[in-house]
């Protein structure tokens, strides 16, 4: 008799029906090669930017990302740029926020800041003291950098909810300035996994946290992780059920990636940790698809689930990803504008020196040619849009993805990973299980790692979000 639950059994059967074991090696997901598509080209594929090397600023900036490079500790899998601080002693964070104000003033000399969407990531943005947060947001508002109708999102670590009075002041400050959405790093319900990954919290915080957030009218996203070492199907099912029971507005499911320089990568390299096999981790992925769909969540479109949004099949991309402008602020921040992938310095002391001297915080970047931009637009359209709209490509590039990459799409259709309907290219449910791997097929062959900075090898390796899939696909 099988000890699988109905959800596990259904996901296992779906894995076999999809014949995922027969996919080419480069399309089979694993933590060591996996590339979470948020930056392209990667950090190592950018070159050092000197004074004047950055792209021309856009006339107006409406979207900004603030990187808060501080945490109370370092999770075993984390490869983001951060500095560990004592949560009770946050003078370094206050000092950093003053430098951040100087950075916004620097940008305002070159463009009109009319920020309608502000995202606080990290690190742990919720480590900012409530009064310091108010000081930053009031500065942005008084300078009219922050639009009066601005929206925003801030990432919250579960430790945030330990001090309810401070959390309440923090949340009230966010709402006062229009930031009404938070993303909570719940990750898993399994206390053993939380301890093994050095998450520094228990799962039991969520009941009080959701009550506090709902009472103040916040939209809530929960982050969940699958593919962790030692994470059983049963453990993952419990996490999914617990998350769904709290009815957050959205749920993001993240597959574990293991970058060089992290504690987990070293343990895997030494054979102390075994990562799950493809069958196991993709069964977890399918379990999420089945459970979240059954609970009324729509996938919008890949690994992000929301309720109350309507059918994503009715959505239509309004522009190509290369038309997006995101201003990076803070050390360790990525951004994109002027057909250029950008990264600020990954060094808090260097960032402080540059802000004191009134210099640009940009460290590395890559200007993309029209051909390179086309490749990038295909990658990010697959990842972030409900479908690829070929008509947008024809307007921008005088060619479409099907004409430019006929052999790749022919094979993807044969593998039931994409389907074509007129001017639209959709990922199938099977294809959504490997969106990053599929997107990786469209990397531009001329974009490679740049050997331009002696001494930065270890830093680039740790923070370099780039695929290492086999070059031979079929």
Protein backbone atom coordinates (compact mmCIF):
# COMPACT_ATOMS: atom_id res chain seq x y z
CA UNK A 1 0.00 0.00 0.00
CA UNK A 2 1.33 3.42 -0.91
CA UNK A 3 1.92 5.88 1.91
CA UNK A 4 1.54 8.79 -0.49
CA UNK A 5 -1.21 11.35 0.05
CA UNK A 6 -3.62 12.07 -2.82
CA UNK A 7 -1.64 15.22 -3.65
CA UNK A 8 1.68 13.35 -3.74
CA UNK A 9 0.17 10.57 -5.84
CA UNK A 10 -1.34 13.02 -8.32
CA UNK A 11 1.96 14.91 -8.65
CA UNK A 12 3.92 11.68 -9.08
CA UNK A 13 1.53 10.54 -11.81
CA UNK A 14 1.80 13.92 -13.52
CA UNK A 15 5.60 13.75 -13.45
CA UNK A 16 5.45 10.40 -15.26
CA UNK A 17 2.80 11.63 -17.71
CA UNK A 18 5.00 14.59 -18.61
CA UNK A 19 7.94 12.19 -19.15
CA UNK A 20 10.22 14.67 -17.41
CA UNK A 21 12.96 12.07 -17.05
CA UNK A 22 13.32 12.12 -20.84
CA UNK A 23 14.04 15.84 -21.14
CA UNK A 24 17.49 16.86 -22.40
CA UNK A 25 20.00 17.30 -19.59
CA UNK A 26 20.04 21.10 -19.95
CA UNK A 27 16.28 21.20 -19.34
CA UNK A 28 16.34 19.06 -16.21
CA UNK A 29 16.35 21.18 -13.08
CA UNK A 30 19.00 20.91 -10.38
CA UNK A 31 20.22 23.30 -7.71
CA UNK A 32 23.84 23.57 -8.84
CA UNK A 33 23.06 24.64 -12.42
CA UNK A 34 19.78 26.45 -11.77
CA UNK A 35 19.57 30.09 -12.81
CA UNK A 36 16.85 32.19 -11.17
CA UNK A 37 16.14 34.60 -13.99
CA UNK A 38 16.13 38.09 -12.51
CA UNK A 39 19.36 39.47 -13.99
CA UNK A 40 20.78 39.04 -17.48
CA UNK A 41 23.56 39.39 -18.41
CA UNK A 42 25.03 38.11 -15.17
CA UNK A 43 27.37 40.04 -12.90
CA UNK A 44 30.47 38.32 -14.30
CA UNK A 45 29.27 39.03 -17.85
CA UNK A 46 29.15 42.75 -17.15
CA UNK A 47 32.29 44.87 -17.26
CA UNK A 48 33.54 47.45 -14.81
CA UNK A 49 31.99 50.86 -15.42
CA UNK A 50 34.22 53.87 -14.98
CA UNK A 51 33.05 57.49 -14.80
CA UNK A 52 30.81 58.24 -17.75
CA UNK A 53 30.41 54.60 -18.81
CA UNK A 54 26.84 54.28 -17.64
CA UNK A 55 23.95 54.60 -20.08
CA UNK A 56 22.09 57.89 -20.52
CA UNK A 57 19.45 58.29 -17.88
CA UNK A 58 15.83 58.04 -19.01
CA UNK A 59 13.86 61.28 -18.92
CA UNK A 60 11.81 60.00 -15.98
CA UNK A 61 12.25 57.17 -13.51
CA UNK A 62 9.05 55.61 -12.17
CA UNK A 63 10.43 52.36 -10.67
CA UNK A 64 13.19 52.06 -8.10
CA UNK A 65 14.70 49.16 -6.22
CA UNK A 66 16.27 49.81 -2.80
CA UNK A 67 18.68 47.16 -1.61
CA UNK A 68 19.04 47.04 2.18
CA UNK A 69 22.26 45.06 2.65
CA UNK A 70 21.83 44.03 6.29
CA UNK A 71 20.67 40.86 8.04
CA UNK A 72 20.81 39.51 11.56
CA UNK A 73 22.65 36.47 10.16
CA UNK A 74 23.30 34.60 6.94
CA UNK A 75 21.04 31.80 5.76
CA UNK A 76 22.92 28.75 4.54
CA UNK A 77 21.77 29.18 0.94
CA UNK A 78 21.98 32.98 0.69
CA UNK A 79 24.16 34.52 -2.03
CA UNK A 80 22.83 38.08 -1.95
CA UNK A 81 25.10 40.93 -0.91
CA UNK A 82 24.63 41.69 2.79
CA UNK A 83 26.38 42.54 6.05
CA UNK A 84 25.41 40.86 9.33
CA UNK A 85 24.42 43.26 12.12
CA UNK A 86 23.16 42.94 15.68
CA UNK A 87 19.41 43.66 15.50
CA UNK A 88 19.68 45.59 18.77
CA UNK A 89 22.43 47.83 17.42
CA UNK A 90 21.47 49.28 14.08
CA UNK A 91 23.60 52.41 13.81
CA UNK A 92 25.10 51.09 10.55
CA UNK A 93 21.63 50.93 9.03
CA UNK A 94 20.84 54.50 10.04
CA UNK A 95 24.13 55.68 8.54
CA UNK A 96 23.40 53.78 5.36
CA UNK A 97 20.01 55.44 4.96
CA UNK A 98 21.69 58.84 5.01
CA UNK A 99 23.94 57.67 2.18
CA UNK A 100 20.89 56.37 0.34
CA UNK A 101 19.35 59.84 0.48
CA UNK A 102 22.53 61.18 -1.10
CA UNK A 103 22.22 58.62 -3.87
CA UNK A 104 18.68 59.70 -4.69
CA UNK A 105 19.87 63.31 -4.81
CA UNK A 106 22.67 62.22 -7.16
CA UNK A 107 20.21 60.58 -9.56
CA UNK A 108 17.89 63.59 -9.37
CA UNK A 109 20.61 65.70 -11.00
CA UNK A 110 20.37 63.48 -14.09
CA UNK A 111 16.71 62.52 -14.37
CA UNK A 112 13.26 63.32 -13.04
CA UNK A 113 12.43 61.01 -10.16
CA UNK A 114 8.69 60.41 -10.16
CA UNK A 115 8.64 57.05 -8.43
CA UNK A 116 5.30 55.32 -8.64
CA UNK A 117 6.60 51.91 -7.53
CA UNK A 118 9.24 51.36 -4.87
CA UNK A 119 10.56 47.92 -3.91
CA UNK A 120 12.60 47.32 -0.76
CA UNK A 121 14.66 44.12 -0.96
CA UNK A 122 17.68 42.74 0.78
CA UNK A 123 19.07 41.66 3.00
CA UNK A 124 16.38 42.40 5.49
CA UNK A 125 14.60 45.73 4.95
CA UNK A 126 12.50 45.12 8.05
CA UNK A 127 15.63 45.69 10.17
CA UNK A 128 15.30 49.43 9.47
CA UNK A 129 14.25 51.19 12.71
CA UNK A 130 10.71 52.59 12.34
CA UNK A 131 11.78 56.21 12.89
CA UNK A 132 14.60 55.84 10.35
CA UNK A 133 12.15 54.40 7.83
CA UNK A 134 9.91 57.41 8.35
CA UNK A 135 12.92 59.68 7.86
CA UNK A 136 13.78 58.07 4.52
CA UNK A 137 10.25 58.04 3.15
CA UNK A 138 9.53 61.59 4.30
CA UNK A 139 12.75 62.68 2.56
CA UNK A 140 11.64 61.05 -0.69
CA UNK A 141 8.20 62.56 -0.34
CA UNK A 142 9.39 66.06 0.57
CA UNK A 143 11.83 66.05 -2.38
CA UNK A 144 8.93 64.91 -4.56
CA UNK A 145 10.94 61.92 -5.68
CA UNK A 146 8.09 59.71 -4.45
CA UNK A 147 4.85 60.20 -6.32
CA UNK A 148 1.86 60.92 -4.07
CA UNK A 149 0.08 57.93 -5.55
CA UNK A 150 3.08 55.63 -5.23
CA UNK A 151 2.73 51.94 -4.44
CA UNK A 152 5.39 49.65 -3.12
CA UNK A 153 6.49 46.36 -1.61
CA UNK A 154 8.82 45.63 1.30
CA UNK A 155 10.30 42.27 2.26
CA UNK A 156 9.73 41.21 5.88
CA UNK A 157 11.81 38.66 7.77
CA UNK A 158 9.86 36.61 10.36
CA UNK A 159 12.07 38.07 13.14
CA UNK A 160 10.26 41.35 12.49
CA UNK A 161 7.13 40.17 14.30
CA UNK A 162 8.88 39.41 17.61
CA UNK A 163 8.39 43.04 18.76
CA UNK A 164 4.75 43.80 18.02
CA UNK A 165 4.91 47.44 19.11
CA UNK A 166 7.88 48.20 16.84
CA UNK A 167 6.32 46.18 14.01
CA UNK A 168 3.11 48.18 14.31
CA UNK A 169 4.97 51.50 14.09
CA UNK A 170 6.91 50.24 11.08
CA UNK A 171 3.80 49.04 9.24
CA UNK A 172 1.90 52.24 9.98
CA UNK A 173 4.77 54.21 8.48
CA UNK A 174 4.68 52.11 5.32
CA UNK A 175 0.95 52.60 4.88
CA UNK A 176 1.25 56.34 5.46
CA UNK A 177 3.48 56.59 2.37
CA UNK A 178 1.43 54.24 0.20
CA UNK A 179 3.48 51.07 0.57
CA UNK A 180 0.68 48.62 1.14
CA UNK A 181 2.20 45.30 0.11
CA UNK A 182 4.69 43.12 2.00
CA UNK A 183 6.43 39.87 1.15
CA UNK A 184 7.03 37.60 4.13
CA UNK A 185 9.86 35.06 4.04
CA UNK A 186 7.96 32.11 5.49
CA UNK A 187 9.84 29.49 3.41
CA UNK A 188 8.79 26.22 5.11
CA UNK A 189 6.76 24.86 8.03
CA UNK A 190 9.44 22.30 8.88
CA UNK A 191 11.32 23.42 12.00
CA UNK A 192 14.23 21.09 11.28
CA UNK A 193 14.72 22.61 7.83
CA UNK A 194 14.49 26.12 9.27
CA UNK A 195 17.20 25.27 11.75
CA UNK A 196 19.41 23.48 9.21
CA UNK A 197 19.28 26.45 6.81
CA UNK A 198 19.98 28.98 9.62
CA UNK A 199 16.73 30.83 9.10
CA UNK A 200 16.64 32.14 12.73
CA UNK A 201 12.90 31.79 13.25
CA UNK A 202 10.19 29.24 13.95
CA UNK A 203 7.19 28.62 11.72
CA UNK A 204 4.75 29.51 14.49
CA UNK A 205 5.17 33.27 13.94
CA UNK A 206 2.78 33.32 10.99
CA UNK A 207 -0.50 33.26 12.90
CA UNK A 208 0.30 36.49 14.78
CA UNK A 209 1.96 38.00 11.72
CA UNK A 210 -1.01 37.52 9.42
CA UNK A 211 -3.40 38.90 12.03
CA UNK A 212 -1.28 42.04 12.39
CA UNK A 213 -0.89 42.54 8.64
CA UNK A 214 -4.58 41.96 7.92
CA UNK A 215 -5.63 44.35 10.68
CA UNK A 216 -3.65 47.07 8.93
CA UNK A 217 -4.95 46.32 5.46
CA UNK A 218 -1.77 45.01 3.83
CA UNK A 219 -1.60 42.86 0.73
CA UNK A 220 0.49 39.87 1.76
CA UNK A 221 2.77 37.64 -0.28
CA UNK A 222 4.32 34.54 1.26
CA UNK A 223 7.65 33.19 0.00
CA UNK A 224 7.97 29.39 0.01
CA UNK A 225 10.99 27.26 -0.87
CA UNK A 226 11.20 23.79 -2.34
CA UNK A 227 14.08 21.57 -3.42
CA UNK A 228 15.81 21.89 -0.04
CA UNK A 229 18.10 19.14 1.14
CA UNK A 230 16.14 16.78 3.37
CA UNK A 231 12.76 18.24 2.42
CA UNK A 232 10.35 15.33 2.04
CA UNK A 233 7.20 15.40 -0.07
CA UNK A 234 5.20 15.28 3.14
CA UNK A 235 7.05 18.23 4.61
CA UNK A 236 6.41 20.26 1.45
CA UNK A 237 2.74 19.32 1.45
CA UNK A 238 2.45 20.59 5.02
CA UNK A 239 4.09 23.88 4.04
CA UNK A 240 1.68 24.32 1.12
CA UNK A 241 -1.33 23.51 3.27
CA UNK A 242 -0.24 25.87 6.04
CA UNK A 243 0.38 28.72 3.60
CA UNK A 244 -2.94 28.22 1.82
CA UNK A 245 -4.80 28.10 5.16
CA UNK A 246 -3.75 31.69 5.88
CA UNK A 247 -5.14 32.82 2.49
CA UNK A 248 -2.39 35.28 1.54
CA UNK A 249 -3.06 37.43 -1.50
CA UNK A 250 -0.17 35.80 -3.34
CA UNK A 251 2.41 33.07 -2.92
CA UNK A 252 5.86 32.90 -4.51
CA UNK A 253 7.46 29.47 -4.79
CA UNK A 254 11.24 29.50 -5.06
CA UNK A 255 13.44 26.63 -6.10
CA UNK A 256 16.70 26.38 -4.17
CA UNK A 257 19.79 27.50 -6.06
CA UNK A 258 23.26 26.90 -4.65
CA UNK A 259 25.83 29.52 -5.63
CA UNK A 260 29.55 29.25 -4.99
CA UNK A 261 30.67 30.94 -1.79
CA UNK A 262 27.59 30.01 0.20
CA UNK A 263 27.79 27.72 3.22
CA UNK A 264 25.50 25.24 1.51
CA UNK A 265 27.65 25.07 -1.62
CA UNK A 266 30.70 24.20 0.48
CA UNK A 267 28.80 21.47 2.32
CA UNK A 268 27.58 20.01 -0.98
CA UNK A 269 31.10 20.16 -2.42
CA UNK A 270 32.49 18.25 0.57
CA UNK A 271 29.77 15.62 0.31
CA UNK A 272 28.14 16.56 3.61
CA UNK A 273 24.82 17.43 2.00
CA UNK A 274 23.00 15.58 -0.77
CA UNK A 275 20.64 17.60 -2.92
CA UNK A 276 17.35 16.05 -4.08
CA UNK A 277 17.05 14.25 -7.39
CA UNK A 278 15.17 15.70 -10.34
CA UNK A 279 12.15 13.45 -9.82
CA UNK A 280 11.81 14.48 -6.18
CA UNK A 281 12.15 18.22 -6.64
CA UNK A 282 9.95 18.43 -9.72
CA UNK A 283 7.31 16.35 -7.97
CA UNK A 284 7.38 19.04 -5.27
CA UNK A 285 7.01 21.66 -8.00
CA UNK A 286 3.99 19.88 -9.47
CA UNK A 287 2.48 19.54 -5.99
CA UNK A 288 2.61 23.33 -5.71
CA UNK A 289 0.91 23.73 -9.09
CA UNK A 290 -1.86 21.32 -8.14
CA UNK A 291 -2.43 22.54 -4.59
CA UNK A 292 -2.39 26.24 -5.38
CA UNK A 293 -4.60 25.88 -8.43
CA UNK A 294 -7.11 23.89 -6.38
CA UNK A 295 -7.10 26.65 -3.76
CA UNK A 296 -8.08 29.28 -6.32
CA UNK A 297 -4.67 30.75 -7.10
CA UNK A 298 -3.62 31.59 -10.67
CA UNK A 299 -0.01 31.26 -11.80
CA UNK A 300 1.02 34.70 -13.12
CA UNK A 301 2.79 33.23 -14.99
CA UNK A 302 5.72 31.35 -13.45
CA UNK A 303 6.13 30.41 -9.78
CA UNK A 304 4.08 33.42 -8.64
CA UNK A 305 0.54 32.66 -7.58
CA UNK A 306 -2.24 35.15 -6.87
CA UNK A 307 -5.95 34.99 -6.12
CA UNK A 308 -8.66 37.42 -7.09
CA UNK A 309 -6.82 38.46 -10.24
CA UNK A 310 -8.84 36.86 -13.00
CA UNK A 311 -7.66 34.37 -15.59
CA UNK A 312 -4.12 35.19 -16.74
CA UNK A 313 -5.02 33.88 -20.20
CA UNK A 314 -6.93 37.13 -20.66
CA UNK A 315 -3.87 39.28 -19.87
CA UNK A 316 -1.77 40.80 -22.62
CA UNK A 317 1.80 42.15 -22.46
CA UNK A 318 1.82 45.88 -23.14
CA UNK A 319 5.53 46.21 -23.91
CA UNK A 320 8.73 44.23 -24.17
CA UNK A 321 10.88 43.71 -21.06
CA UNK A 322 13.63 45.93 -22.54
CA UNK A 323 11.27 48.90 -22.25
CA UNK A 324 11.29 48.56 -18.47
CA UNK A 325 13.21 51.08 -16.37
CA UNK A 326 14.37 50.07 -12.89
CA UNK A 327 16.72 52.37 -10.97
CA UNK A 328 19.10 50.44 -8.70
CA UNK A 329 19.84 52.10 -5.35
CA UNK A 330 22.09 50.89 -2.56
CA UNK A 331 25.10 48.57 -2.62
CA UNK A 332 24.36 45.20 -4.20
CA UNK A 333 21.40 46.55 -6.19
CA UNK A 334 20.67 45.56 -9.78
CA UNK A 335 18.81 47.72 -12.28
CA UNK A 336 18.07 48.13 -15.95
CA UNK A 337 17.56 51.05 -18.31
CA UNK A 338 18.86 52.26 -21.66
CA UNK A 339 19.26 48.64 -22.87
CA UNK A 340 21.88 48.18 -20.13
CA UNK A 341 21.95 45.67 -17.27
CA UNK A 342 23.46 47.44 -14.27
CA UNK A 343 24.85 46.63 -10.85
CA UNK A 344 25.88 48.98 -8.06
CA UNK A 345 29.03 48.38 -6.02
CA UNK A 346 28.98 45.30 -3.80
CA UNK A 347 30.93 46.98 -1.01
CA UNK A 348 29.33 49.07 1.73
CA UNK A 349 32.49 51.06 2.49
CA UNK A 350 33.06 51.86 -1.19
CA UNK A 351 29.43 52.86 -1.53
CA UNK A 352 29.83 55.25 1.42
CA UNK A 353 32.94 56.80 -0.15
CA UNK A 354 31.20 57.33 -3.47
CA UNK A 355 28.16 58.94 -1.89
CA UNK A 356 30.37 61.24 0.19
CA UNK A 357 32.21 62.30 -3.00
CA UNK A 358 29.07 62.68 -5.10
CA UNK A 359 30.06 59.87 -7.48
CA UNK A 360 27.96 57.26 -9.25
CA UNK A 361 27.39 54.02 -7.32
CA UNK A 362 27.49 51.92 -10.54
CA UNK A 363 30.11 49.19 -10.51
CA UNK A 364 29.43 46.93 -13.47
CA UNK A 365 27.17 46.94 -16.51
CA UNK A 366 26.58 45.58 -19.97
CA UNK A 367 25.26 47.62 -22.89
CA UNK A 368 23.19 45.33 -25.10
CA UNK A 369 23.10 45.52 -28.86
CA UNK A 370 19.75 45.20 -30.62
CA UNK A 371 20.45 41.52 -31.26
CA UNK A 372 21.44 40.90 -27.63
CA UNK A 373 18.35 42.79 -26.46
CA UNK A 374 16.16 40.57 -28.62
CA UNK A 375 17.58 37.48 -26.92
CA UNK A 376 17.03 39.04 -23.49
CA UNK A 377 13.46 40.03 -24.35
CA UNK A 378 12.62 36.45 -25.30
CA UNK A 379 14.09 35.22 -21.99
CA UNK A 380 12.21 37.67 -19.80
CA UNK A 381 8.97 37.41 -21.79
CA UNK A 382 8.99 33.68 -21.11
CA UNK A 383 9.65 34.28 -17.43
CA UNK A 384 7.38 37.22 -16.61
CA UNK A 385 4.65 37.58 -19.24
CA UNK A 386 1.51 35.47 -19.76
CA UNK A 387 2.75 34.76 -23.28
CA UNK A 388 5.25 36.00 -25.85
CA UNK A 389 3.51 38.53 -28.08
CA UNK A 390 5.32 38.21 -31.40
CA UNK A 391 3.78 41.43 -32.72
CA UNK A 392 5.68 43.42 -30.07
CA UNK A 393 8.93 41.88 -31.29
CA UNK A 394 8.14 42.67 -34.91
CA UNK A 395 7.51 46.30 -34.05
CA UNK A 396 10.75 46.60 -32.08
CA UNK A 397 13.09 44.33 -34.09
CA UNK A 398 11.41 43.81 -37.47
CA UNK A 399 11.40 40.08 -36.77
CA UNK A 400 9.67 37.69 -34.38
CA UNK A 401 10.95 34.93 -32.07
CA UNK A 402 9.59 32.17 -34.32
CA UNK A 403 11.45 33.53 -37.34
CA UNK A 404 14.62 34.24 -35.37
CA UNK A 405 14.78 30.93 -33.46
CA UNK A 406 12.80 28.42 -35.55
CA UNK A 407 14.80 25.32 -34.60
CA UNK A 408 14.60 25.97 -30.86
CA UNK A 409 10.86 26.59 -30.89
CA UNK A 410 10.24 23.58 -33.14
CA UNK A 411 11.96 21.38 -30.57
CA UNK A 412 10.19 23.03 -27.62
CA UNK A 413 6.82 22.41 -29.30
CA UNK A 414 7.77 18.77 -29.96
CA UNK A 415 8.65 18.36 -26.27
CA UNK A 416 5.28 19.89 -25.29
CA UNK A 417 7.05 22.75 -23.47
CA UNK A 418 5.51 25.57 -25.51
CA UNK A 419 2.51 25.96 -27.77
CA UNK A 420 2.01 28.47 -30.55
CA UNK A 421 -1.30 30.14 -31.28
CA UNK A 422 -1.10 32.73 -34.02
CA UNK A 423 1.06 35.61 -32.77
CA UNK A 424 1.31 34.13 -29.28
CA UNK A 425 3.78 31.68 -27.76
CA UNK A 426 2.70 30.10 -24.48
CA UNK A 427 4.55 27.94 -22.02
CA UNK A 428 2.54 24.79 -21.35
CA UNK A 429 1.99 23.65 -17.74
CA UNK A 430 4.85 21.24 -18.38
CA UNK A 431 6.99 24.07 -19.74
CA UNK A 432 6.35 26.21 -16.67
CA UNK A 433 8.17 23.56 -14.65
CA UNK A 434 11.40 24.58 -16.39
CA UNK A 435 10.98 28.19 -17.40
CA UNK A 436 14.49 29.26 -16.39
CA UNK A 437 16.01 26.31 -18.19
CA UNK A 438 14.00 27.09 -21.32
CA UNK A 439 14.88 30.78 -21.12
CA UNK A 440 18.53 29.78 -20.87
CA UNK A 441 18.34 28.40 -24.40
CA UNK A 442 18.08 31.97 -25.67
CA UNK A 443 21.25 33.35 -24.09
CA UNK A 444 23.29 35.28 -26.62
CA UNK A 445 26.45 33.36 -27.57
CA UNK A 446 28.59 36.51 -27.57
CA UNK A 447 27.78 37.33 -23.93
CA UNK A 448 30.42 35.65 -21.82
CA UNK A 449 32.23 36.25 -18.55
CA UNK A 450 34.57 39.24 -18.65
CA UNK A 451 38.11 39.04 -17.24
CA UNK A 452 38.52 42.67 -16.28
CA UNK A 453 39.00 42.93 -12.54
CA UNK A 454 41.79 41.08 -10.70
CA UNK A 455 40.88 40.11 -7.15
CA UNK A 456 37.11 40.01 -7.68
CA UNK A 457 36.90 36.32 -8.62
CA UNK A 458 35.42 35.06 -5.34
CA UNK A 459 32.91 37.90 -5.06
CA UNK A 460 31.74 37.44 -8.64
CA UNK A 461 31.41 33.70 -8.17
CA UNK A 462 29.25 34.08 -5.05
CA UNK A 463 26.91 36.75 -6.42
CA UNK A 464 26.93 35.73 -10.08
CA UNK A 465 23.39 34.71 -11.01
CA UNK A 466 24.16 32.87 -14.23
CA UNK A 467 23.27 29.46 -15.68
CA UNK A 468 25.87 26.73 -15.88
CA UNK A 469 23.74 24.36 -17.95
CA UNK A 470 25.54 22.12 -20.45
CA UNK A 471 26.18 23.94 -23.72
CA UNK A 472 24.98 20.97 -25.79
CA UNK A 473 21.21 20.84 -25.39
CA UNK A 474 19.68 18.38 -27.85
